[in-house]
PDB file of all heavy atoms in Angstrom:
ATOM      1  N   PHE A   1     -12.960   6.321 -14.546  1.00  0.00           N
ATOM      2  CA  PHE A   1     -13.303   7.351 -13.561  1.00  0.00           C
ATOM      3  C   PHE A   1     -13.192   6.715 -12.179  1.00  0.00           C
ATOM      4  O   PHE A   1     -13.421   5.518 -12.012  1.00  0.00           O
ATOM      5  CB  PHE A   1     -14.731   7.859 -13.831  1.00  0.00           C
ATOM      6  CG  PHE A   1     -15.193   8.935 -12.883  1.00  0.00           C
ATOM      7  CD1 PHE A   1     -14.440  10.082 -12.683  1.00  0.00           C
ATOM      8  CD2 PHE A   1     -16.402   8.806 -12.207  1.00  0.00           C
ATOM      9  CE1 PHE A   1     -14.877  11.079 -11.809  1.00  0.00           C
ATOM     10  CE2 PHE A   1     -16.846   9.804 -11.333  1.00  0.00           C
ATOM     11  CZ  PHE A   1     -16.076  10.941 -11.140  1.00  0.00           C
ATOM     12  N   SER A   2     -12.857   7.530 -11.193  1.00  0.00           N
ATOM     13  CA  SER A   2     -12.579   7.005  -9.848  1.00  0.00           C
ATOM     14  C   SER A   2     -13.822   6.525  -9.098  1.00  0.00           C
ATOM     15  O   SER A   2     -13.711   5.800  -8.126  1.00  0.00           O
ATOM     16  CB  SER A   2     -11.878   8.087  -9.019  1.00  0.00           C
ATOM     17  OG  SER A   2     -12.660   9.270  -9.033  1.00  0.00           O
ATOM     18  N   ASP A   3     -15.015   6.919  -9.553  1.00  0.00           N
ATOM     19  CA  ASP A   3     -16.240   6.546  -8.830  1.00  0.00           C
ATOM     20  C   ASP A   3     -17.310   6.075  -9.812  1.00  0.00           C
ATOM     21  O   ASP A   3     -18.336   6.731 -10.004  1.00  0.00           O
ATOM     22  CB  ASP A   3     -16.741   7.760  -8.030  1.00  0.00           C
ATOM     23  CG  ASP A   3     -17.871   7.391  -7.071  1.00  0.00           C
ATOM     24  OD1 ASP A   3     -17.998   6.193  -6.744  1.00  0.00           O
ATOM     25  OD2 ASP A   3     -18.624   8.289  -6.677  1.00  0.00           O
ATOM     26  N   PRO A   4     -17.073   4.913 -10.443  1.00  0.00           N
ATOM     27  CA  PRO A   4     -17.958   4.459 -11.529  1.00  0.00           C
ATOM     28  C   PRO A   4     -19.224   3.776 -11.022  1.00  0.00           C
ATOM     29  O   PRO A   4     -19.272   2.570 -10.804  1.00  0.00           O
ATOM     30  CB  PRO A   4     -17.064   3.475 -12.299  1.00  0.00           C
ATOM     31  CG  PRO A   4     -16.122   2.939 -11.262  1.00  0.00           C
ATOM     32  CD  PRO A   4     -15.975   3.980 -10.193  1.00  0.00           C
ATOM     33  N   LEU A   5     -20.307   4.543 -10.866  1.00  0.00           N
ATOM     34  CA  LEU A   5     -21.523   4.073 -10.195  1.00  0.00           C
ATOM     35  C   LEU A   5     -22.184   2.869 -10.851  1.00  0.00           C
ATOM     36  O   LEU A   5     -22.744   2.027 -10.176  1.00  0.00           O
ATOM     37  CB  LEU A   5     -22.543   5.223 -10.137  1.00  0.00           C
ATOM     38  CG  LEU A   5     -22.087   6.501  -9.445  1.00  0.00           C
ATOM     39  CD1 LEU A   5     -23.130   7.586  -9.614  1.00  0.00           C
ATOM     40  CD2 LEU A   5     -21.819   6.234  -7.974  1.00  0.00           C
ATOM     41  N   ALA A   6     -22.174   2.804 -12.182  1.00  0.00           N
ATOM     42  CA  ALA A   6     -22.935   1.749 -12.865  1.00  0.00           C
ATOM     43  C   ALA A   6     -22.125   0.490 -13.124  1.00  0.00           C
ATOM     44  O   ALA A   6     -22.635  -0.468 -13.667  1.00  0.00           O
ATOM     45  CB  ALA A   6     -23.473   2.291 -14.197  1.00  0.00           C
ATOM     46  N   ASP A   7     -20.850   0.515 -12.738  1.00  0.00           N
ATOM     47  CA  ASP A   7     -19.970  -0.596 -13.121  1.00  0.00           C
ATOM     48  C   ASP A   7     -19.824  -1.614 -12.007  1.00  0.00           C
ATOM     49  O   ASP A   7     -19.715  -1.270 -10.832  1.00  0.00           O
ATOM     50  CB  ASP A   7     -18.592  -0.052 -13.516  1.00  0.00           C
ATOM     51  CG  ASP A   7     -18.660   0.835 -14.743  1.00  0.00           C
ATOM     52  OD1 ASP A   7     -19.402   0.467 -15.665  1.00  0.00           O
ATOM     53  OD2 ASP A   7     -18.001   1.879 -14.778  1.00  0.00           O
ATOM     54  N   GLY A   8     -19.797  -2.877 -12.415  1.00  0.00           N
ATOM     55  CA  GLY A   8     -19.534  -3.962 -11.486  1.00  0.00           C
ATOM     56  C   GLY A   8     -18.045  -4.066 -11.202  1.00  0.00           C
ATOM     57  O   GLY A   8     -17.233  -3.307 -11.724  1.00  0.00           O
ATOM     58  N   PRO A   9     -17.645  -5.054 -10.367  1.00  0.00           N
ATOM     59  CA  PRO A   9     -16.257  -5.144  -9.902  1.00  0.00           C
ATOM     60  C   PRO A   9     -15.228  -5.302 -11.024  1.00  0.00           C
ATOM     61  O   PRO A   9     -14.144  -4.742 -10.946  1.00  0.00           O
ATOM     62  CB  PRO A   9     -16.254  -6.353  -8.963  1.00  0.00           C
ATOM     63  CG  PRO A   9     -17.577  -7.025  -9.136  1.00  0.00           C
ATOM     64  CD  PRO A   9     -18.522  -6.023  -9.690  1.00  0.00           C
ATOM     65  N   THR A  10     -15.572  -6.032 -12.084  1.00  0.00           N
ATOM     66  CA  THR A  10     -14.588  -6.262 -13.157  1.00  0.00           C
ATOM     67  C   THR A  10     -14.196  -4.951 -13.817  1.00  0.00           C
ATOM     68  O   THR A  10     -13.004  -4.652 -13.986  1.00  0.00           O
ATOM     69  CB  THR A  10     -15.174  -7.224 -14.214  1.00  0.00           C
ATOM     70  OG1 THR A  10     -15.477  -8.473 -13.580  1.00  0.00           O
ATOM     71  CG2 THR A  10     -14.199  -7.457 -15.345  1.00  0.00           C
ATOM     72  N   ILE A  11     -15.191  -4.160 -14.194  1.00  0.00           N
ATOM     73  CA  ILE A  11     -14.891  -2.898 -14.882  1.00  0.00           C
ATOM     74  C   ILE A  11     -14.341  -1.870 -13.892  1.00  0.00           C
ATOM     75  O   ILE A  11     -13.448  -1.091 -14.233  1.00  0.00           O
ATOM     76  CB  ILE A  11     -16.125  -2.397 -15.654  1.00  0.00           C
ATOM     77  CG1 ILE A  11     -16.391  -3.353 -16.833  1.00  0.00           C
ATOM     78  CG2 ILE A  11     -15.931  -0.967 -16.159  1.00  0.00           C
ATOM     79  CD1 ILE A  11     -17.638  -3.069 -17.641  1.00  0.00           C
ATOM     80  N   GLN A  12     -14.820  -1.894 -12.642  1.00  0.00           N
ATOM     81  CA  GLN A  12     -14.236  -1.002 -11.631  1.00  0.00           C
ATOM     82  C   GLN A  12     -12.745  -1.269 -11.474  1.00  0.00           C
ATOM     83  O   GLN A  12     -11.930  -0.334 -11.440  1.00  0.00           O
ATOM     84  CB  GLN A  12     -14.923  -1.214 -10.269  1.00  0.00           C
ATOM     85  CG  GLN A  12     -16.253  -0.507 -10.149  1.00  0.00           C
ATOM     86  CD  GLN A  12     -16.780  -0.514  -8.718  1.00  0.00           C
ATOM     87  OE1 GLN A  12     -16.043  -0.730  -7.764  1.00  0.00           O
ATOM     88  NE2 GLN A  12     -18.071  -0.268  -8.569  1.00  0.00           N
ATOM     89  N   ASP A  13     -12.387  -2.542 -11.386  1.00  0.00           N
ATOM     90  CA  ASP A  13     -10.967  -2.893 -11.206  1.00  0.00           C
ATOM     91  C   ASP A  13     -10.142  -2.463 -12.415  1.00  0.00           C
ATOM     92  O   ASP A  13      -9.019  -1.977 -12.265  1.00  0.00           O
ATOM     93  CB  ASP A  13     -10.810  -4.412 -10.991  1.00  0.00           C
ATOM     94  CG  ASP A  13     -11.349  -4.869  -9.640  1.00  0.00           C
ATOM     95  OD1 ASP A  13     -11.626  -3.998  -8.787  1.00  0.00           O
ATOM     96  OD2 ASP A  13     -11.499  -6.091  -9.438  1.00  0.00           O
ATOM     97  N   SER A  14     -10.707  -2.624 -13.614  1.00  0.00           N
ATOM     98  CA  SER A  14      -9.965  -2.217 -14.810  1.00  0.00           C
ATOM     99  C   SER A  14      -9.808  -0.698 -14.856  1.00  0.00           C
ATOM    100  O   SER A  14      -8.766  -0.180 -15.286  1.00  0.00           O
ATOM    101  CB  SER A  14     -10.653  -2.734 -16.089  1.00  0.00           C
ATOM    102  OG  SER A  14     -11.880  -2.061 -16.336  1.00  0.00           O
ATOM    103  N   SER A  15     -10.825   0.034 -14.387  1.00  0.00           N
ATOM    104  CA  SER A  15     -10.745   1.496 -14.337  1.00  0.00           C
ATOM    105  C   SER A  15      -9.666   1.948 -13.357  1.00  0.00           C
ATOM    106  O   SER A  15      -8.882   2.853 -13.651  1.00  0.00           O
ATOM    107  CB  SER A  15     -12.085   2.102 -13.922  1.00  0.00           C
ATOM    108  OG  SER A  15     -13.030   1.955 -14.945  1.00  0.00           O
ATOM    109  N   THR A  16      -9.641   1.308 -12.186  1.00  0.00           N
ATOM    110  CA  THR A  16      -8.622   1.642 -11.182  1.00  0.00           C
ATOM    111  C   THR A  16      -7.227   1.405 -11.748  1.00  0.00           C
ATOM    112  O   THR A  16      -6.327   2.246 -11.609  1.00  0.00           O
ATOM    113  CB  THR A  16      -8.831   0.797  -9.906  1.00  0.00           C
ATOM    114  OG1 THR A  16     -10.146   1.055  -9.404  1.00  0.00           O
ATOM    115  CG2 THR A  16      -7.813   1.126  -8.837  1.00  0.00           C
ATOM    116  N   ALA A  17      -7.052   0.256 -12.419  1.00  0.00           N
ATOM    117  CA  ALA A  17      -5.742  -0.066 -13.011  1.00  0.00           C
ATOM    118  C   ALA A  17      -5.377   0.927 -14.110  1.00  0.00           C
ATOM    119  O   ALA A  17      -4.226   1.383 -14.192  1.00  0.00           O
ATOM    120  CB  ALA A  17      -5.757  -1.493 -13.562  1.00  0.00           C
ATOM    121  N   ALA A  18      -6.356   1.297 -14.955  1.00  0.00           N
ATOM    122  CA  ALA A  18      -6.084   2.236 -16.045  1.00  0.00           C
ATOM    123  C   ALA A  18      -5.680   3.604 -15.500  1.00  0.00           C
ATOM    124  O   ALA A  18      -4.765   4.255 -16.034  1.00  0.00           O
ATOM    125  CB  ALA A  18      -7.314   2.361 -16.946  1.00  0.00           C
ATOM    126  N   LEU A  19      -6.356   4.051 -14.440  1.00  0.00           N
ATOM    127  CA  LEU A  19      -5.989   5.330 -13.822  1.00  0.00           C
ATOM    128  C   LEU A  19      -4.565   5.261 -13.258  1.00  0.00           C
ATOM    129  O   LEU A  19      -3.780   6.196 -13.426  1.00  0.00           O
ATOM    130  CB  LEU A  19      -6.986   5.703 -12.714  1.00  0.00           C
ATOM    131  CG  LEU A  19      -8.408   6.069 -13.197  1.00  0.00           C
ATOM    132  CD1 LEU A  19      -9.370   6.143 -12.012  1.00  0.00           C
ATOM    133  CD2 LEU A  19      -8.424   7.379 -13.970  1.00  0.00           C
ATOM    134  N   LYS A  20      -4.238   4.133 -12.639  1.00  0.00           N
ATOM    135  CA  LYS A  20      -2.865   3.955 -12.121  1.00  0.00           C
ATOM    136  C   LYS A  20      -1.859   3.931 -13.268  1.00  0.00           C
ATOM    137  O   LYS A  20      -0.726   4.379 -13.120  1.00  0.00           O
ATOM    138  CB  LYS A  20      -2.773   2.650 -11.311  1.00  0.00           C
ATOM    139  CG  LYS A  20      -3.355   2.770  -9.914  1.00  0.00           C
ATOM    140  CD  LYS A  20      -3.186   1.483  -9.132  1.00  0.00           C
ATOM    141  CE  LYS A  20      -3.854   1.588  -7.775  1.00  0.00           C
ATOM    142  NZ  LYS A  20      -4.014   0.269  -7.141  1.00  0.00           N
ATOM    143  N   ASN A  21      -2.274   3.390 -14.411  1.00  0.00           N
ATOM    144  CA  ASN A  21      -1.393   3.356 -15.593  1.00  0.00           C
ATOM    145  C   ASN A  21      -1.131   4.759 -16.150  1.00  0.00           C
ATOM    146  O   ASN A  21      -0.217   4.942 -16.943  1.00  0.00           O
ATOM    147  CB  ASN A  21      -2.018   2.502 -16.709  1.00  0.00           C
ATOM    148  CG  ASN A  21      -2.012   1.016 -16.399  1.00  0.00           C
ATOM    149  OD1 ASN A  21      -1.290   0.571 -15.519  1.00  0.00           O
ATOM    150  ND2 ASN A  21      -2.821   0.245 -17.119  1.00  0.00           N
ATOM    151  N   GLY A  22      -1.997   5.713 -15.753  1.00  0.00           N
ATOM    152  CA  GLY A  22      -1.805   7.085 -16.218  1.00  0.00           C
ATOM    153  C   GLY A  22      -2.853   7.559 -17.210  1.00  0.00           C
ATOM    154  O   GLY A  22      -2.683   8.605 -17.847  1.00  0.00           O
ATOM    155  N   MET A  23      -3.951   6.809 -17.352  1.00  0.00           N
ATOM    156  CA  MET A  23      -4.993   7.219 -18.304  1.00  0.00           C
ATOM    157  C   MET A  23      -5.741   8.442 -17.791  1.00  0.00           C
ATOM    158  O   MET A  23      -6.148   8.499 -16.636  1.00  0.00           O
ATOM    159  CB  MET A  23      -5.975   6.058 -18.548  1.00  0.00           C
ATOM    160  CG  MET A  23      -7.099   6.381 -19.521  1.00  0.00           C
ATOM    161  SD  MET A  23      -6.576   7.107 -21.089  1.00  0.00           S
ATOM    162  CE  MET A  23      -5.741   5.743 -21.872  1.00  0.00           C
ATOM    163  N   THR A  24      -5.892   9.419 -18.679  1.00  0.00           N
ATOM    164  CA  THR A  24      -6.681  10.629 -18.399  1.00  0.00           C
ATOM    165  C   THR A  24      -7.436  10.970 -19.682  1.00  0.00           C
ATOM    166  O   THR A  24      -7.196  10.369 -20.734  1.00  0.00           O
ATOM    167  CB  THR A  24      -5.776  11.832 -18.053  1.00  0.00           C
ATOM    168  OG1 THR A  24      -4.974  12.142 -19.215  1.00  0.00           O
ATOM    169  CG2 THR A  24      -4.865  11.552 -16.865  1.00  0.00           C
ATOM    170  N   THR A  25      -8.322  11.952 -19.591  1.00  0.00           N
ATOM    171  CA  THR A  25      -9.036  12.414 -20.784  1.00  0.00           C
ATOM    172  C   THR A  25      -8.041  12.875 -21.847  1.00  0.00           C
ATOM    173  O   THR A  25      -8.150  12.500 -23.022  1.00  0.00           O
ATOM    174  CB  THR A  25      -9.988  13.571 -20.409  1.00  0.00           C
ATOM    175  OG1 THR A  25     -10.870  13.125 -19.373  1.00  0.00           O
ATOM    176  CG2 THR A  25     -10.804  14.015 -21.613  1.00  0.00           C
ATOM    177  N   GLU A  26      -7.056  13.659 -21.440  1.00  0.00           N
ATOM    178  CA  GLU A  26      -6.050  14.182 -22.381  1.00  0.00           C
ATOM    179  C   GLU A  26      -5.262  13.049 -23.036  1.00  0.00           C
ATOM    180  O   GLU A  26      -4.999  13.074 -24.242  1.00  0.00           O
ATOM    181  CB  GLU A  26      -5.076  15.134 -21.672  1.00  0.00           C
ATOM    182  CG  GLU A  26      -5.689  16.448 -21.240  1.00  0.00           C
ATOM    183  CD  GLU A  26      -5.837  17.441 -22.392  1.00  0.00           C
ATOM    184  OE1 GLU A  26      -5.630  17.058 -23.561  1.00  0.00           O
ATOM    185  OE2 GLU A  26      -6.175  18.605 -22.107  1.00  0.00           O
ATOM    186  N   VAL A  27      -4.878  12.064 -22.241  1.00  0.00           N
ATOM    187  CA  VAL A  27      -4.110  10.923 -22.784  1.00  0.00           C
ATOM    188  C   VAL A  27      -4.953  10.157 -23.791  1.00  0.00           C
ATOM    189  O   VAL A  27      -4.482   9.799 -24.874  1.00  0.00           O
ATOM    190  CB  VAL A  27      -3.613  10.004 -21.642  1.00  0.00           C
ATOM    191  CG1 VAL A  27      -3.044   8.699 -22.203  1.00  0.00           C
ATOM    192  CG2 VAL A  27      -2.554  10.718 -20.807  1.00  0.00           C
ATOM    193  N   LEU A  28      -6.220   9.920 -23.457  1.00  0.00           N
ATOM    194  CA  LEU A  28      -7.091   9.200 -24.385  1.00  0.00           C
ATOM    195  C   LEU A  28      -7.218   9.966 -25.701  1.00  0.00           C
ATOM    196  O   LEU A  28      -7.095   9.385 -26.787  1.00  0.00           O
ATOM    197  CB  LEU A  28      -8.474   8.967 -23.772  1.00  0.00           C
ATOM    198  CG  LEU A  28      -9.487   8.281 -24.706  1.00  0.00           C
ATOM    199  CD1 LEU A  28      -8.990   6.905 -25.161  1.00  0.00           C
ATOM    200  CD2 LEU A  28     -10.851   8.159 -24.047  1.00  0.00           C
ATOM    201  N   PHE A  29      -7.474  11.261 -25.628  1.00  0.00           N
ATOM    202  CA  PHE A  29      -7.608  12.051 -26.851  1.00  0.00           C
ATOM    203  C   PHE A  29      -6.321  11.992 -27.674  1.00  0.00           C
ATOM    204  O   PHE A  29      -6.357  11.893 -28.899  1.00  0.00           O
ATOM    205  CB  PHE A  29      -7.972  13.497 -26.512  1.00  0.00           C
ATOM    206  CG  PHE A  29      -9.418  13.688 -26.110  1.00  0.00           C
ATOM    207  CD1 PHE A  29      -9.806  14.815 -25.387  1.00  0.00           C
ATOM    208  CD2 PHE A  29     -10.399  12.770 -26.460  1.00  0.00           C
ATOM    209  CE1 PHE A  29     -11.137  15.015 -25.030  1.00  0.00           C
ATOM    210  CE2 PHE A  29     -11.729  12.951 -26.107  1.00  0.00           C
ATOM    211  CZ  PHE A  29     -12.101  14.077 -25.389  1.00  0.00           C
ATOM    212  N   LYS A  30      -5.173  12.015 -27.007  1.00  0.00           N
ATOM    213  CA  LYS A  30      -3.883  11.927 -27.717  1.00  0.00           C
ATOM    214  C   LYS A  30      -3.773  10.570 -28.422  1.00  0.00           C
ATOM    215  O   LYS A  30      -3.357  10.477 -29.581  1.00  0.00           O
ATOM    216  CB  LYS A  30      -2.753  12.107 -26.709  1.00  0.00           C
ATOM    217  CG  LYS A  30      -1.402  12.382 -27.307  1.00  0.00           C
ATOM    218  CD  LYS A  30      -1.259  13.856 -27.643  1.00  0.00           C
ATOM    219  CE  LYS A  30       0.066  14.106 -28.365  1.00  0.00           C
ATOM    220  NZ  LYS A  30      -0.018  15.229 -29.297  1.00  0.00           N
ATOM    221  N   GLN A  31      -4.167   9.504 -27.715  1.00  0.00           N
ATOM    222  CA  GLN A  31      -4.091   8.152 -28.295  1.00  0.00           C
ATOM    223  C   GLN A  31      -4.993   8.009 -29.526  1.00  0.00           C
ATOM    224  O   GLN A  31      -4.661   7.285 -30.463  1.00  0.00           O
ATOM    225  CB  GLN A  31      -4.485   7.099 -27.253  1.00  0.00           C
ATOM    226  CG  GLN A  31      -3.462   6.914 -26.150  1.00  0.00           C
ATOM    227  CD  GLN A  31      -3.894   5.882 -25.110  1.00  0.00           C
ATOM    228  OE1 GLN A  31      -5.045   5.455 -25.082  1.00  0.00           O
ATOM    229  NE2 GLN A  31      -2.974   5.486 -24.258  1.00  0.00           N
ATOM    230  N   LEU A  32      -6.132   8.696 -29.503  1.00  0.00           N
ATOM    231  CA  LEU A  32      -7.118   8.530 -30.573  1.00  0.00           C
ATOM    232  C   LEU A  32      -6.848   9.411 -31.792  1.00  0.00           C
ATOM    233  O   LEU A  32      -7.564   9.311 -32.787  1.00  0.00           O
ATOM    234  CB  LEU A  32      -8.530   8.804 -30.034  1.00  0.00           C
ATOM    235  CG  LEU A  32      -9.055   7.810 -28.991  1.00  0.00           C
ATOM    236  CD1 LEU A  32     -10.415   8.247 -28.466  1.00  0.00           C
ATOM    237  CD2 LEU A  32      -9.126   6.394 -29.555  1.00  0.00           C
ATOM    238  N   GLU A  33      -5.832  10.248 -31.730  1.00  0.00           N
ATOM    239  CA  GLU A  33      -5.496  11.070 -32.894  1.00  0.00           C
ATOM    240  C   GLU A  33      -5.143  10.156 -34.072  1.00  0.00           C
ATOM    241  O   GLU A  33      -4.342   9.245 -33.938  1.00  0.00           O
ATOM    242  CB  GLU A  33      -4.323  12.012 -32.573  1.00  0.00           C
ATOM    243  CG  GLU A  33      -4.762  13.224 -31.777  1.00  0.00           C
ATOM    244  CD  GLU A  33      -3.595  14.109 -31.358  1.00  0.00           C
ATOM    245  OE1 GLU A  33      -2.472  13.911 -31.863  1.00  0.00           O
ATOM    246  OE2 GLU A  33      -3.816  15.001 -30.510  1.00  0.00           O
ATOM    247  N   GLY A  34      -5.804  10.380 -35.194  1.00  0.00           N
ATOM    248  CA  GLY A  34      -5.521   9.569 -36.384  1.00  0.00           C
ATOM    249  C   GLY A  34      -6.221   8.219 -36.410  1.00  0.00           C
ATOM    250  O   GLY A  34      -6.007   7.421 -37.326  1.00  0.00           O
ATOM    251  N   ILE A  35      -7.096   7.944 -35.428  1.00  0.00           N
ATOM    252  CA  ILE A  35      -7.757   6.629 -35.370  1.00  0.00           C
ATOM    253  C   ILE A  35      -8.590   6.371 -36.633  1.00  0.00           C
ATOM    254  O   ILE A  35      -8.715   5.236 -37.088  1.00  0.00           O
ATOM    255  CB  ILE A  35      -8.623   6.495 -34.087  1.00  0.00           C
ATOM    256  CG1 ILE A  35      -9.084   5.038 -33.856  1.00  0.00           C
ATOM    257  CG2 ILE A  35      -9.849   7.414 -34.118  1.00  0.00           C
ATOM    258  CD1 ILE A  35      -8.002   4.110 -33.427  1.00  0.00           C
ATOM    259  N   ARG A  36      -9.113   7.430 -37.242  1.00  0.00           N
ATOM    260  CA  ARG A  36      -9.963   7.247 -38.425  1.00  0.00           C
ATOM    261  C   ARG A  36      -9.167   6.915 -39.683  1.00  0.00           C
ATOM    262  O   ARG A  36      -9.748   6.610 -40.721  1.00  0.00           O
ATOM    263  CB  ARG A  36     -10.844   8.475 -38.632  1.00  0.00           C
ATOM    264  CG  ARG A  36     -12.002   8.546 -37.635  1.00  0.00           C
ATOM    265  CD  ARG A  36     -12.878   7.332 -37.730  1.00  0.00           C
ATOM    266  NE  ARG A  36     -13.943   7.255 -36.717  1.00  0.00           N
ATOM    267  CZ  ARG A  36     -14.609   6.151 -36.453  1.00  0.00           C
ATOM    268  NH1 ARG A  36     -14.315   5.032 -37.096  1.00  0.00           N
ATOM    269  NH2 ARG A  36     -15.560   6.140 -35.548  1.00  0.00           N
ATOM    270  N   GLU A  37      -7.845   6.923 -39.583  1.00  0.00           N
ATOM    271  CA  GLU A  37      -7.031   6.464 -40.720  1.00  0.00           C
ATOM    272  C   GLU A  37      -7.069   4.943 -40.830  1.00  0.00           C
ATOM    273  O   GLU A  37      -6.818   4.384 -41.895  1.00  0.00           O
ATOM    274  CB  GLU A  37      -5.583   6.946 -40.556  1.00  0.00           C
ATOM    275  CG  GLU A  37      -5.429   8.455 -40.719  1.00  0.00           C
ATOM    276  CD  GLU A  37      -4.110   8.975 -40.167  1.00  0.00           C
ATOM    277  OE1 GLU A  37      -3.146   8.178 -40.059  1.00  0.00           O
ATOM    278  OE2 GLU A  37      -4.054  10.183 -39.841  1.00  0.00           O
ATOM    279  N   THR A  38      -7.373   4.252 -39.724  1.00  0.00           N
ATOM    280  CA  THR A  38      -7.339   2.787 -39.734  1.00  0.00           C
ATOM    281  C   THR A  38      -8.646   2.125 -39.316  1.00  0.00           C
ATOM    282  O   THR A  38      -8.806   0.920 -39.502  1.00  0.00           O
ATOM    283  CB  THR A  38      -6.231   2.276 -38.779  1.00  0.00           C
ATOM    284  OG1 THR A  38      -6.453   2.804 -37.467  1.00  0.00           O
ATOM    285  CG2 THR A  38      -4.843   2.700 -39.266  1.00  0.00           C
ATOM    286  N   VAL A  39      -9.570   2.879 -38.748  1.00  0.00           N
ATOM    287  CA  VAL A  39     -10.799   2.278 -38.190  1.00  0.00           C
ATOM    288  C   VAL A  39     -12.019   2.989 -38.770  1.00  0.00           C
ATOM    289  O   VAL A  39     -12.074   4.220 -38.780  1.00  0.00           O
ATOM    290  CB  VAL A  39     -10.800   2.399 -36.637  1.00  0.00           C
ATOM    291  CG1 VAL A  39     -12.135   1.949 -36.062  1.00  0.00           C
ATOM    292  CG2 VAL A  39      -9.656   1.589 -36.046  1.00  0.00           C
ATOM    293  N   SER A  40     -12.997   2.200 -39.237  1.00  0.00           N
ATOM    294  CA  SER A  40     -14.176   2.818 -39.867  1.00  0.00           C
ATOM    295  C   SER A  40     -15.482   2.580 -39.105  1.00  0.00           C
ATOM    296  O   SER A  40     -16.482   3.230 -39.391  1.00  0.00           O
ATOM    297  CB  SER A  40     -14.334   2.309 -41.305  1.00  0.00           C
ATOM    298  OG  SER A  40     -14.533   0.914 -41.304  1.00  0.00           O
ATOM    299  N   ILE A  41     -15.506   1.648 -38.145  1.00  0.00           N
ATOM    300  CA  ILE A  41     -16.757   1.359 -37.438  1.00  0.00           C
ATOM    301  C   ILE A  41     -17.059   2.449 -36.402  1.00  0.00           C
ATOM    302  O   ILE A  41     -16.173   3.212 -36.021  1.00  0.00           O
ATOM    303  CB  ILE A  41     -16.739  -0.038 -36.767  1.00  0.00           C
ATOM    304  CG1 ILE A  41     -15.612  -0.142 -35.733  1.00  0.00           C
ATOM    305  CG2 ILE A  41     -16.661  -1.140 -37.801  1.00  0.00           C
ATOM    306  CD1 ILE A  41     -15.637  -1.440 -34.920  1.00  0.00           C
TER     307      ILE A  41
END
């Protein structure tokens, strides 16, 4: 998220980079489709 109040600089920087990479809610949901076929935790 563009304004991460609880995050320190490391996670803020990673969030900024991820947003620049094109990460959105829709993209994340698309990536997670089928995740339960391989991950159980």
